Amino acid sequence: MIQIHFSRTLMVALATAGLLFSSASIAQPDVDAARLLFDQSDCGKCHNPDKNKKAPSWKKIAKTYKGKATAEAEIIKHMTKGGKVKLDDGSEEEHKVVETKDPKALSNMAQWILSY
């Protein structure tokens, strides 16, 4: 009897953990907040969510990072470090940094990009 109770408890715990991890990985970004940061940071000068401009679209970026465990961290690093970037036409330009240092806002924007 104790063995059965322990097994059921373990199964419930594992199932619950699985639900927690899967729901965290599919959390939806706050699109309005991400769009506001996008606009405030002048990202639209070079990026567009759906089509390439001077730089890759969010769709193209999301495809590049699809399935990578480090995707969010890599996107946040790119949004916050600045430096030279190569544009689609082959020219180089200083990449602007986003107008926040708030980790939640940065994570939200990265998740918005990855949602495409």
PDB file of N, CA and C in Angstrom:
ATOM      1  N   MET A   1       0.810  -1.185   0.000  1.00  0.00           N
ATOM      2  CA  MET A   1       0.000   0.000   0.000  1.00  0.00           C
ATOM      3  C   MET A   1       0.866   1.267   0.000  1.00  0.00           C
ATOM      4  N   ILE A   2       1.897   1.266   0.819  1.00  0.00           N
ATOM      5  CA  ILE A   2       2.800   2.416   0.873  1.00  0.00           C
ATOM      6  C   ILE A   2       3.486   2.595  -0.476  1.00  0.00           C
ATOM      7  N   GLN A   3       3.883   1.504  -1.096  1.00  0.00           N
ATOM      8  CA  GLN A   3       4.545   1.553  -2.399  1.00  0.00           C
ATOM      9  C   GLN A   3       3.621   2.191  -3.442  1.00  0.00           C
ATOM     10  N   ILE A   4       2.348   1.839  -3.457  1.00  0.00           N
ATOM     11  CA  ILE A   4       1.401   2.389  -4.428  1.00  0.00           C
ATOM     12  C   ILE A   4       1.201   3.878  -4.164  1.00  0.00           C
ATOM     13  N   HIS A   5       1.040   4.270  -2.915  1.00  0.00           N
ATOM     14  CA  HIS A   5       0.845   5.671  -2.571  1.00  0.00           C
ATOM     15  C   HIS A   5       2.065   6.501  -2.992  1.00  0.00           C
ATOM     16  N   PHE A   6       3.247   5.997  -2.738  1.00  0.00           N
ATOM     17  CA  PHE A   6       4.477   6.699  -3.114  1.00  0.00           C
ATOM     18  C   PHE A   6       4.554   6.859  -4.630  1.00  0.00           C
ATOM     19  N   SER A   7       4.227   5.816  -5.369  1.00  0.00           N
ATOM     20  CA  SER A   7       4.289   5.869  -6.826  1.00  0.00           C
ATOM     21  C   SER A   7       3.303   6.889  -7.371  1.00  0.00           C
ATOM     22  N   ARG A   8       2.100   6.923  -6.821  1.00  0.00           N
ATOM     23  CA  ARG A   8       1.105   7.898  -7.274  1.00  0.00           C
ATOM     24  C   ARG A   8       1.561   9.319  -6.947  1.00  0.00           C
ATOM     25  N   THR A   9       2.115   9.498  -5.761  1.00  0.00           N
ATOM     26  CA  THR A   9       2.607  10.815  -5.370  1.00  0.00           C
ATOM     27  C   THR A   9       3.721  11.262  -6.302  1.00  0.00           C
ATOM     28  N   LEU A  10       4.622  10.352  -6.613  1.00  0.00           N
ATOM     29  CA  LEU A  10       5.715  10.669  -7.524  1.00  0.00           C
ATOM     30  C   LEU A  10       5.181  11.007  -8.913  1.00  0.00           C
ATOM     31  N   MET A  11       4.213  10.257  -9.390  1.00  0.00           N
ATOM     32  CA  MET A  11       3.641  10.510 -10.711  1.00  0.00           C
ATOM     33  C   MET A  11       2.957  11.880 -10.750  1.00  0.00           C
ATOM     34  N   VAL A  12       2.215  12.213  -9.704  1.00  0.00           N
ATOM     35  CA  VAL A  12       1.544  13.510  -9.646  1.00  0.00           C
ATOM     36  C   VAL A  12       2.579  14.637  -9.617  1.00  0.00           C
ATOM     37  N   ALA A  13       3.625  14.462  -8.827  1.00  0.00           N
ATOM     38  CA  ALA A  13       4.675  15.484  -8.744  1.00  0.00           C
ATOM     39  C   ALA A  13       5.354  15.685 -10.089  1.00  0.00           C
ATOM     40  N   LEU A  14       5.669  14.600 -10.762  1.00  0.00           N
ATOM     41  CA  LEU A  14       6.325  14.711 -12.074  1.00  0.00           C
ATOM     42  C   LEU A  14       5.400  15.350 -13.103  1.00  0.00           C
ATOM     43  N   ALA A  15       4.136  14.979 -13.085  1.00  0.00           N
ATOM     44  CA  ALA A  15       3.180  15.567 -14.024  1.00  0.00           C
ATOM     45  C   ALA A  15       3.027  17.059 -13.774  1.00  0.00           C
ATOM     46  N   THR A  16       2.944  17.444 -12.500  1.00  0.00           N
ATOM     47  CA  THR A  16       2.825  18.858 -12.157  1.00  0.00           C
ATOM     48  C   THR A  16       4.070  19.626 -12.601  1.00  0.00           C
ATOM     49  N   ALA A  17       5.229  19.076 -12.356  1.00  0.00           N
ATOM     50  CA  ALA A  17       6.471  19.728 -12.782  1.00  0.00           C
ATOM     51  C   ALA A  17       6.485  19.895 -14.293  1.00  0.00           C
ATOM     52  N   GLY A  18       6.046  18.884 -15.003  1.00  0.00           N
ATOM     53  CA  GLY A  18       5.994  18.962 -16.463  1.00  0.00           C
ATOM     54  C   GLY A  18       5.075  20.063 -16.936  1.00  0.00           C
ATOM     55  N   LEU A  19       3.929  20.215 -16.286  1.00  0.00           N
ATOM     56  CA  LEU A  19       3.001  21.278 -16.653  1.00  0.00           C
ATOM     57  C   LEU A  19       3.590  22.643 -16.368  1.00  0.00           C
ATOM     58  N   LEU A  20       4.264  22.780 -15.248  1.00  0.00           N
ATOM     59  CA  LEU A  20       4.877  24.061 -14.914  1.00  0.00           C
ATOM     60  C   LEU A  20       5.934  24.449 -15.935  1.00  0.00           C
ATOM     61  N   PHE A  21       6.790  23.501 -16.280  1.00  0.00           N
ATOM     62  CA  PHE A  21       7.845  23.815 -17.248  1.00  0.00           C
ATOM     63  C   PHE A  21       7.267  24.070 -18.629  1.00  0.00           C
ATOM     64  N   SER A  22       6.268  23.305 -19.042  1.00  0.00           N
ATOM     65  CA  SER A  22       5.725  23.511 -20.374  1.00  0.00           C
ATOM     66  C   SER A  22       4.951  24.815 -20.454  1.00  0.00           C
ATOM     67  N   SER A  23       4.242  25.202 -19.391  1.00  0.00           N
ATOM     68  CA  SER A  23       3.513  26.457 -19.449  1.00  0.00           C
ATOM     69  C   SER A  23       4.464  27.639 -19.421  1.00  0.00           C
ATOM     70  N   ALA A  24       5.592  27.524 -18.741  1.00  0.00           N
ATOM     71  CA  ALA A  24       6.563  28.611 -18.723  1.00  0.00           C
ATOM     72  C   ALA A  24       7.168  28.804 -20.105  1.00  0.00           C
ATOM     73  N   SER A  25       7.371  27.719 -20.819  1.00  0.00           N
ATOM     74  CA  SER A  25       8.005  27.834 -22.121  1.00  0.00           C
ATOM     75  C   SER A  25       7.052  28.367 -23.187  1.00  0.00           C
ATOM     76  N   ILE A  26       5.734  28.342 -22.907  1.00  0.00           N
ATOM     77  CA  ILE A  26       4.790  28.856 -23.893  1.00  0.00           C
ATOM     78  C   ILE A  26       4.111  30.138 -23.400  1.00  0.00           C
ATOM     79  N   ALA A  27       4.693  30.775 -22.404  1.00  0.00           N
ATOM     80  CA  ALA A  27       4.142  32.028 -21.902  1.00  0.00           C
ATOM     81  C   ALA A  27       4.102  33.042 -23.037  1.00  0.00           C
ATOM     82  N   GLN A  28       3.000  33.737 -23.125  1.00  0.00           N
ATOM     83  CA  GLN A  28       2.827  34.717 -24.189  1.00  0.00           C
ATOM     84  C   GLN A  28       3.392  36.065 -23.749  1.00  0.00           C
ATOM     85  N   PRO A  29       4.114  36.746 -24.636  1.00  0.00           N
ATOM     86  CA  PRO A  29       4.656  38.055 -24.286  1.00  0.00           C
ATOM     87  C   PRO A  29       3.546  39.104 -24.217  1.00  0.00           C
ATOM     88  N   ASP A  30       3.808  40.163 -23.490  1.00  0.00           N
ATOM     89  CA  ASP A  30       2.924  41.323 -23.458  1.00  0.00           C
ATOM     90  C   ASP A  30       3.265  42.143 -24.705  1.00  0.00           C
ATOM     91  N   VAL A  31       2.496  41.933 -25.749  1.00  0.00           N
ATOM     92  CA  VAL A  31       2.795  42.536 -27.052  1.00  0.00           C
ATOM     93  C   VAL A  31       2.744  44.062 -26.988  1.00  0.00           C
ATOM     94  N   ASP A  32       1.789  44.609 -26.251  1.00  0.00           N
ATOM     95  CA  ASP A  32       1.682  46.069 -26.168  1.00  0.00           C
ATOM     96  C   ASP A  32       2.932  46.679 -25.537  1.00  0.00           C
ATOM     97  N   ALA A  33       3.415  46.059 -24.457  1.00  0.00           N
ATOM     98  CA  ALA A  33       4.623  46.558 -23.789  1.00  0.00           C
ATOM     99  C   ALA A  33       5.844  46.398 -24.698  1.00  0.00           C
ATOM    100  N   ALA A  34       5.941  45.271 -25.386  1.00  0.00           N
ATOM    101  CA  ALA A  34       7.070  45.048 -26.296  1.00  0.00           C
ATOM    102  C   ALA A  34       7.032  46.044 -27.454  1.00  0.00           C
ATOM    103  N   ARG A  35       5.848  46.278 -27.995  1.00  0.00           N
ATOM    104  CA  ARG A  35       5.695  47.224 -29.106  1.00  0.00           C
ATOM    105  C   ARG A  35       6.077  48.640 -28.654  1.00  0.00           C
ATOM    106  N   LEU A  36       5.699  49.025 -27.430  1.00  0.00           N
ATOM    107  CA  LEU A  36       6.054  50.336 -26.902  1.00  0.00           C
ATOM    108  C   LEU A  36       7.574  50.482 -26.787  1.00  0.00           C
ATOM    109  N   LEU A  37       8.241  49.458 -26.258  1.00  0.00           N
ATOM    110  CA  LEU A  37       9.701  49.490 -26.144  1.00  0.00           C
ATOM    111  C   LEU A  37      10.350  49.519 -27.527  1.00  0.00           C
ATOM    112  N   PHE A  38       9.805  48.767 -28.458  1.00  0.00           N
ATOM    113  CA  PHE A  38      10.253  48.752 -29.852  1.00  0.00           C
ATOM    114  C   PHE A  38      10.200  50.173 -30.423  1.00  0.00           C
ATOM    115  N   ASP A  39       9.066  50.856 -30.202  1.00  0.00           N
ATOM    116  CA  ASP A  39       8.894  52.214 -30.721  1.00  0.00           C
ATOM    117  C   ASP A  39       9.800  53.210 -30.000  1.00  0.00           C
ATOM    118  N   GLN A  40       9.865  53.134 -28.673  1.00  0.00           N
ATOM    119  CA  GLN A  40      10.693  54.058 -27.895  1.00  0.00           C
ATOM    120  C   GLN A  40      12.173  53.922 -28.243  1.00  0.00           C
ATOM    121  N   SER A  41      12.596  52.720 -28.576  1.00  0.00           N
ATOM    122  CA  SER A  41      14.002  52.449 -28.864  1.00  0.00           C
ATOM    123  C   SER A  41      14.348  52.658 -30.328  1.00  0.00           C
ATOM    124  N   ASP A  42      13.367  53.048 -31.134  1.00  0.00           N
ATOM    125  CA  ASP A  42      13.554  53.315 -32.557  1.00  0.00           C
ATOM    126  C   ASP A  42      14.014  52.077 -33.332  1.00  0.00           C
ATOM    127  N   CYS A  43      13.591  50.903 -32.862  1.00  0.00           N
ATOM    128  CA  CYS A  43      13.969  49.660 -33.541  1.00  0.00           C
ATOM    129  C   CYS A  43      13.383  49.577 -34.953  1.00  0.00           C
ATOM    130  N   GLY A  44      12.230  50.247 -35.151  1.00  0.00           N
ATOM    131  CA  GLY A  44      11.565  50.209 -36.449  1.00  0.00           C
ATOM    132  C   GLY A  44      12.342  50.883 -37.562  1.00  0.00           C
ATOM    133  N   LYS A  45      13.387  51.604 -37.209  1.00  0.00           N
ATOM    134  CA  LYS A  45      14.242  52.213 -38.234  1.00  0.00           C
ATOM    135  C   LYS A  45      14.850  51.126 -39.119  1.00  0.00           C
ATOM    136  N   CYS A  46      15.203  50.008 -38.505  1.00  0.00           N
ATOM    137  CA  CYS A  46      15.874  48.940 -39.248  1.00  0.00           C
ATOM    138  C   CYS A  46      15.100  47.620 -39.256  1.00  0.00           C
ATOM    139  N   HIS A  47      14.277  47.391 -38.232  1.00  0.00           N
ATOM    140  CA  HIS A  47      13.568  46.109 -38.104  1.00  0.00           C
ATOM    141  C   HIS A  47      12.073  46.289 -38.304  1.00  0.00           C
ATOM    142  N   ASN A  48      11.451  45.216 -38.780  1.00  0.00           N
ATOM    143  CA  ASN A  48      10.004  45.122 -38.904  1.00  0.00           C
ATOM    144  C   ASN A  48       9.627  43.728 -38.411  1.00  0.00           C
ATOM    145  N   PRO A  49       8.546  43.598 -37.693  1.00  0.00           N
ATOM    146  CA  PRO A  49       8.180  42.267 -37.228  1.00  0.00           C
ATOM    147  C   PRO A  49       7.983  41.242 -38.357  1.00  0.00           C
ATOM    148  N   ASP A  50       7.411  41.677 -39.477  1.00  0.00           N
ATOM    149  CA  ASP A  50       7.034  40.711 -40.513  1.00  0.00           C
ATOM    150  C   ASP A  50       7.908  40.664 -41.757  1.00  0.00           C
ATOM    151  N   LYS A  51       8.593  41.764 -42.070  1.00  0.00           N
ATOM    152  CA  LYS A  51       9.392  41.764 -43.308  1.00  0.00           C
ATOM    153  C   LYS A  51      10.743  42.419 -43.069  1.00  0.00           C
ATOM    154  N   ASN A  52      11.721  42.014 -43.851  1.00  0.00           N
ATOM    155  CA  ASN A  52      13.063  42.581 -43.741  1.00  0.00           C
ATOM    156  C   ASN A  52      13.062  44.034 -44.195  1.00  0.00           C
ATOM    157  N   LYS A  53      13.813  44.846 -43.482  1.00  0.00           N
ATOM    158  CA  LYS A  53      14.068  46.231 -43.885  1.00  0.00           C
ATOM    159  C   LYS A  53      15.575  46.317 -44.082  1.00  0.00           C
ATOM    160  N   LYS A  54      16.227  47.210 -43.357  1.00  0.00           N
ATOM    161  CA  LYS A  54      17.691  47.279 -43.390  1.00  0.00           C
ATOM    162  C   LYS A  54      18.292  46.086 -42.647  1.00  0.00           C
ATOM    163  N   ALA A  55      17.532  45.561 -41.703  1.00  0.00           N
ATOM    164  CA  ALA A  55      17.978  44.451 -40.856  1.00  0.00           C
ATOM    165  C   ALA A  55      16.905  43.360 -40.886  1.00  0.00           C
ATOM    166  N   PRO A  56      17.207  42.189 -40.356  1.00  0.00           N
ATOM    167  CA  PRO A  56      16.243  41.088 -40.425  1.00  0.00           C
ATOM    168  C   PRO A  56      14.946  41.373 -39.665  1.00  0.00           C
ATOM    169  N   SER A  57      13.877  40.787 -40.171  1.00  0.00           N
ATOM    170  CA  SER A  57      12.576  40.869 -39.508  1.00  0.00           C
ATOM    171  C   SER A  57      12.578  39.984 -38.264  1.00  0.00           C
ATOM    172  N   TRP A  58      11.577  40.202 -37.401  1.00  0.00           N
ATOM    173  CA  TRP A  58      11.444  39.321 -36.228  1.00  0.00           C
ATOM    174  C   TRP A  58      11.226  37.883 -36.690  1.00  0.00           C
ATOM    175  N   LYS A  59      10.469  37.706 -37.781  1.00  0.00           N
ATOM    176  CA  LYS A  59      10.245  36.340 -38.299  1.00  0.00           C
ATOM    177  C   LYS A  59      11.562  35.661 -38.633  1.00  0.00           C
ATOM    178  N   LYS A  60      12.447  36.376 -39.300  1.00  0.00           N
ATOM    179  CA  LYS A  60      13.741  35.805 -39.681  1.00  0.00           C
ATOM    180  C   LYS A  60      14.595  35.524 -38.445  1.00  0.00           C
ATOM    181  N   ILE A  61      14.577  36.455 -37.489  1.00  0.00           N
ATOM    182  CA  ILE A  61      15.338  36.262 -36.254  1.00  0.00           C
ATOM    183  C   ILE A  61      14.793  35.073 -35.475  1.00  0.00           C
ATOM    184  N   ALA A  62      13.468  34.981 -35.359  1.00  0.00           N
ATOM    185  CA  ALA A  62      12.847  33.860 -34.643  1.00  0.00           C
ATOM    186  C   ALA A  62      13.226  32.530 -35.283  1.00  0.00           C
ATOM    187  N   LYS A  63      13.239  32.496 -36.615  1.00  0.00           N
ATOM    188  CA  LYS A  63      13.614  31.269 -37.322  1.00  0.00           C
ATOM    189  C   LYS A  63      15.073  30.900 -37.038  1.00  0.00           C
ATOM    190  N   THR A  64      15.951  31.899 -36.984  1.00  0.00           N
ATOM    191  CA  THR A  64      17.364  31.676 -36.706  1.00  0.00           C
ATOM    192  C   THR A  64      17.564  31.039 -35.328  1.00  0.00           C
ATOM    193  N   TYR A  65      16.798  31.495 -34.347  1.00  0.00           N
ATOM    194  CA  TYR A  65      16.981  31.041 -32.970  1.00  0.00           C
ATOM    195  C   TYR A  65      16.054  29.887 -32.569  1.00  0.00           C
ATOM    196  N   LYS A  66      15.183  29.459 -33.454  1.00  0.00           N
ATOM    197  CA  LYS A  66      14.208  28.413 -33.122  1.00  0.00           C
ATOM    198  C   LYS A  66      14.904  27.166 -32.572  1.00  0.00           C
ATOM    199  N   GLY A  67      14.427  26.730 -31.393  1.00  0.00           N
ATOM    200  CA  GLY A  67      14.947  25.517 -30.784  1.00  0.00           C
ATOM    201  C   GLY A  67      16.216  25.685 -29.977  1.00  0.00           C
ATOM    202  N   LYS A  68      16.800  26.873 -29.970  1.00  0.00           N
ATOM    203  CA  LYS A  68      18.024  27.106 -29.196  1.00  0.00           C
ATOM    204  C   LYS A  68      17.671  27.447 -27.758  1.00  0.00           C
ATOM    205  N   ALA A  69      18.277  26.749 -26.823  1.00  0.00           N
ATOM    206  CA  ALA A  69      18.031  26.998 -25.406  1.00  0.00           C
ATOM    207  C   ALA A  69      18.494  28.384 -24.990  1.00  0.00           C
ATOM    208  N   THR A  70      19.453  28.936 -25.686  1.00  0.00           N
ATOM    209  CA  THR A  70      20.023  30.240 -25.338  1.00  0.00           C
ATOM    210  C   THR A  70      19.427  31.395 -26.142  1.00  0.00           C
ATOM    211  N   ALA A  71      18.356  31.144 -26.855  1.00  0.00           N
ATOM    212  CA  ALA A  71      17.793  32.146 -27.759  1.00  0.00           C
ATOM    213  C   ALA A  71      17.483  33.462 -27.067  1.00  0.00           C
ATOM    214  N   GLU A  72      16.743  33.411 -25.970  1.00  0.00           N
ATOM    215  CA  GLU A  72      16.360  34.651 -25.291  1.00  0.00           C
ATOM    216  C   GLU A  72      17.594  35.419 -24.826  1.00  0.00           C
ATOM    217  N   ALA A  73      18.534  34.729 -24.218  1.00  0.00           N
ATOM    218  CA  ALA A  73      19.752  35.389 -23.717  1.00  0.00           C
ATOM    219  C   ALA A  73      20.541  36.015 -24.859  1.00  0.00           C
ATOM    220  N   GLU A  74      20.632  35.328 -25.982  1.00  0.00           N
ATOM    221  CA  GLU A  74      21.384  35.867 -27.117  1.00  0.00           C
ATOM    222  C   GLU A  74      20.712  37.104 -27.700  1.00  0.00           C
ATOM    223  N   ILE A  75      19.399  37.088 -27.769  1.00  0.00           N
ATOM    224  CA  ILE A  75      18.673  38.247 -28.296  1.00  0.00           C
ATOM    225  C   ILE A  75      18.816  39.429 -27.342  1.00  0.00           C
ATOM    226  N   ILE A  76      18.691  39.179 -26.050  1.00  0.00           N
ATOM    227  CA  ILE A  76      18.851  40.256 -25.066  1.00  0.00           C
ATOM    228  C   ILE A  76      20.254  40.854 -25.149  1.00  0.00           C
ATOM    229  N   LYS A  77      21.251  40.006 -25.291  1.00  0.00           N
ATOM    230  CA  LYS A  77      22.629  40.501 -25.419  1.00  0.00           C
ATOM    231  C   LYS A  77      22.749  41.411 -26.644  1.00  0.00           C
ATOM    232  N   HIS A  78      22.154  40.990 -27.743  1.00  0.00           N
ATOM    233  CA  HIS A  78      22.215  41.789 -28.971  1.00  0.00           C
ATOM    234  C   HIS A  78      21.484  43.123 -28.795  1.00  0.00           C
ATOM    235  N   MET A  79      20.363  43.108 -28.061  1.00  0.00           N
ATOM    236  CA  MET A  79      19.582  44.331 -27.860  1.00  0.00           C
ATOM    237  C   MET A  79      20.269  45.308 -26.913  1.00  0.00           C
ATOM    238  N   THR A  80      21.172  44.820 -26.066  1.00  0.00           N
ATOM    239  CA  THR A  80      21.723  45.669 -25.013  1.00  0.00           C
ATOM    240  C   THR A  80      23.207  46.004 -25.152  1.00  0.00           C
ATOM    241  N   LYS A  81      23.926  45.321 -26.026  1.00  0.00           N
ATOM    242  CA  LYS A  81      25.377  45.550 -26.073  1.00  0.00           C
ATOM    243  C   LYS A  81      25.818  46.617 -27.060  1.00  0.00           C
ATOM    244  N   GLY A  82      25.026  46.910 -28.068  1.00  0.00           N
ATOM    245  CA  GLY A  82      25.451  47.868 -29.085  1.00  0.00           C
ATOM    246  C   GLY A  82      26.532  47.267 -29.968  1.00  0.00           C
ATOM    247  N   GLY A  83      27.352  48.121 -30.556  1.00  0.00           N
ATOM    248  CA  GLY A  83      28.424  47.645 -31.431  1.00  0.00           C
ATOM    249  C   GLY A  83      28.015  47.636 -32.889  1.00  0.00           C
ATOM    250  N   LYS A  84      28.963  47.326 -33.734  1.00  0.00           N
ATOM    251  CA  LYS A  84      28.725  47.285 -35.180  1.00  0.00           C
ATOM    252  C   LYS A  84      27.930  46.044 -35.564  1.00  0.00           C
ATOM    253  N   VAL A  85      27.004  46.239 -36.488  1.00  0.00           N
ATOM    254  CA  VAL A  85      26.243  45.127 -37.065  1.00  0.00           C
ATOM    255  C   VAL A  85      26.255  45.267 -38.577  1.00  0.00           C
ATOM    256  N   LYS A  86      26.226  44.131 -39.233  1.00  0.00           N
ATOM    257  CA  LYS A  86      26.175  44.129 -40.692  1.00  0.00           C
ATOM    258  C   LYS A  86      24.708  44.099 -41.114  1.00  0.00           C
ATOM    259  N   LEU A  87      24.336  45.034 -41.971  1.00  0.00           N
ATOM    260  CA  LEU A  87      22.971  45.123 -42.456  1.00  0.00           C
ATOM    261  C   LEU A  87      22.790  44.252 -43.689  1.00  0.00           C
ATOM    262  N   ASP A  88      21.533  44.054 -44.077  1.00  0.00           N
ATOM    263  CA  ASP A  88      21.238  43.179 -45.212  1.00  0.00           C
ATOM    264  C   ASP A  88      21.878  43.647 -46.513  1.00  0.00           C
ATOM    265  N   ASP A  89      22.139  44.959 -46.652  1.00  0.00           N
ATOM    266  CA  ASP A  89      22.765  45.456 -47.882  1.00  0.00           C
ATOM    267  C   ASP A  89      24.289  45.347 -47.849  1.00  0.00           C
ATOM    268  N   GLY A  90      24.839  44.786 -46.749  1.00  0.00           N
ATOM    269  CA  GLY A  90      26.277  44.603 -46.629  1.00  0.00           C
ATOM    270  C   GLY A  90      26.985  45.730 -45.888  1.00  0.00           C
ATOM    271  N   SER A  91      26.300  46.845 -45.686  1.00  0.00           N
ATOM    272  CA  SER A  91      26.922  47.955 -44.955  1.00  0.00           C
ATOM    273  C   SER A  91      26.934  47.641 -43.457  1.00  0.00           C
ATOM    274  N   GLU A  92      27.721  48.421 -42.718  1.00  0.00           N
ATOM    275  CA  GLU A  92      27.783  48.260 -41.267  1.00  0.00           C
ATOM    276  C   GLU A  92      27.296  49.530 -40.597  1.00  0.00           C
ATOM    277  N   GLU A  93      26.740  49.351 -39.418  1.00  0.00           N
ATOM    278  CA  GLU A  93      26.184  50.472 -38.675  1.00  0.00           C
ATOM    279  C   GLU A  93      26.259  50.151 -37.183  1.00  0.00           C
ATOM    280  N   GLU A  94      26.309  51.193 -36.356  1.00  0.00           N
ATOM    281  CA  GLU A  94      26.245  50.989 -34.911  1.00  0.00           C
ATOM    282  C   GLU A  94      24.831  50.532 -34.557  1.00  0.00           C
ATOM    283  N   HIS A  95      24.715  49.438 -33.828  1.00  0.00           N
ATOM    284  CA  HIS A  95      23.408  48.949 -33.396  1.00  0.00           C
ATOM    285  C   HIS A  95      23.011  49.688 -32.137  1.00  0.00           C
ATOM    286  N   LYS A  96      21.856  50.333 -32.177  1.00  0.00           N
ATOM    287  CA  LYS A  96      21.355  51.026 -30.996  1.00  0.00           C
ATOM    288  C   LYS A  96      20.961  50.004 -29.932  1.00  0.00           C
ATOM    289  N   VAL A  97      20.997  50.430 -28.695  1.00  0.00           N
ATOM    290  CA  VAL A  97      20.532  49.577 -27.604  1.00  0.00           C
ATOM    291  C   VAL A  97      19.114  49.990 -27.229  1.00  0.00           C
ATOM    292  N   VAL A  98      18.367  49.050 -26.676  1.00  0.00           N
ATOM    293  CA  VAL A  98      16.993  49.355 -26.283  1.00  0.00           C
ATOM    294  C   VAL A  98      16.983  50.319 -25.105  1.00  0.00           C
ATOM    295  N   GLU A  99      15.872  51.012 -24.941  1.00  0.00           N
ATOM    296  CA  GLU A  99      15.740  52.076 -23.951  1.00  0.00           C
ATOM    297  C   GLU A  99      15.342  51.573 -22.564  1.00  0.00           C
ATOM    298  N   THR A 100      15.859  50.438 -22.133  1.00  0.00           N
ATOM    299  CA  THR A 100      15.584  49.937 -20.783  1.00  0.00           C
ATOM    300  C   THR A 100      16.706  49.015 -20.340  1.00  0.00           C
ATOM    301  N   LYS A 101      16.822  48.886 -19.047  1.00  0.00           N
ATOM    302  CA  LYS A 101      17.729  47.902 -18.458  1.00  0.00           C
ATOM    303  C   LYS A 101      16.925  46.921 -17.605  1.00  0.00           C
ATOM    304  N   ASP A 102      15.593  47.067 -17.619  1.00  0.00           N
ATOM    305  CA  ASP A 102      14.699  46.215 -16.850  1.00  0.00           C
ATOM    306  C   ASP A 102      14.712  44.793 -17.420  1.00  0.00           C
ATOM    307  N   PRO A 103      15.180  43.814 -16.644  1.00  0.00           N
ATOM    308  CA  PRO A 103      15.273  42.443 -17.147  1.00  0.00           C
ATOM    309  C   PRO A 103      13.931  41.869 -17.611  1.00  0.00           C
ATOM    310  N   LYS A 104      12.845  42.234 -16.933  1.00  0.00           N
ATOM    311  CA  LYS A 104      11.520  41.729 -17.339  1.00  0.00           C
ATOM    312  C   LYS A 104      11.112  42.309 -18.686  1.00  0.00           C
ATOM    313  N   ALA A 105      11.367  43.583 -18.897  1.00  0.00           N
ATOM    314  CA  ALA A 105      11.025  44.216 -20.173  1.00  0.00           C
ATOM    315  C   ALA A 105      11.876  43.650 -21.305  1.00  0.00           C
ATOM    316  N   LEU A 106      13.151  43.419 -21.028  1.00  0.00           N
ATOM    317  CA  LEU A 106      14.044  42.833 -22.039  1.00  0.00           C
ATOM    318  C   LEU A 106      13.606  41.409 -22.386  1.00  0.00           C
ATOM    319  N   SER A 107      13.283  40.639 -21.369  1.00  0.00           N
ATOM    320  CA  SER A 107      12.816  39.274 -21.590  1.00  0.00           C
ATOM    321  C   SER A 107      11.518  39.279 -22.390  1.00  0.00           C
ATOM    322  N   ASN A 108      10.612  40.181 -22.048  1.00  0.00           N
ATOM    323  CA  ASN A 108       9.341  40.276 -22.758  1.00  0.00           C
ATOM    324  C   ASN A 108       9.560  40.607 -24.235  1.00  0.00           C
ATOM    325  N   MET A 109      10.448  41.550 -24.503  1.00  0.00           N
ATOM    326  CA  MET A 109      10.706  41.920 -25.898  1.00  0.00           C
ATOM    327  C   MET A 109      11.349  40.760 -26.657  1.00  0.00           C
ATOM    328  N   ALA A 110      12.282  40.072 -26.018  1.00  0.00           N
ATOM    329  CA  ALA A 110      12.913  38.906 -26.649  1.00  0.00           C
ATOM    330  C   ALA A 110      11.854  37.830 -26.947  1.00  0.00           C
ATOM    331  N   GLN A 111      10.958  37.612 -26.006  1.00  0.00           N
ATOM    332  CA  GLN A 111       9.893  36.613 -26.216  1.00  0.00           C
ATOM    333  C   GLN A 111       8.956  37.051 -27.341  1.00  0.00           C
ATOM    334  N   TRP A 112       8.712  38.341 -27.453  1.00  0.00           N
ATOM    335  CA  TRP A 112       7.879  38.859 -28.555  1.00  0.00           C
ATOM    336  C   TRP A 112       8.558  38.560 -29.884  1.00  0.00           C
ATOM    337  N   ILE A 113       9.840  38.830 -29.961  1.00  0.00           N
ATOM    338  CA  ILE A 113      10.588  38.544 -31.190  1.00  0.00           C
ATOM    339  C   ILE A 113      10.522  37.051 -31.510  1.00  0.00           C
ATOM    340  N   LEU A 114      10.748  36.225 -30.508  1.00  0.00           N
ATOM    341  CA  LEU A 114      10.761  34.772 -30.714  1.00  0.00           C
ATOM    342  C   LEU A 114       9.379  34.206 -31.030  1.00  0.00           C
ATOM    343  N   SER A 115       8.319  34.963 -30.729  1.00  0.00           N
ATOM    344  CA  SER A 115       6.965  34.464 -30.985  1.00  0.00           C
ATOM    345  C   SER A 115       6.599  34.488 -32.461  1.00  0.00           C
ATOM    346  N   TYR A 116       7.434  35.079 -33.281  1.00  0.00           N
ATOM    347  CA  TYR A 116       7.110  35.178 -34.717  1.00  0.00           C
ATOM    348  C   TYR A 116       7.439  33.941 -35.468  1.00  0.00           C
TER     349      TYR A 116
END
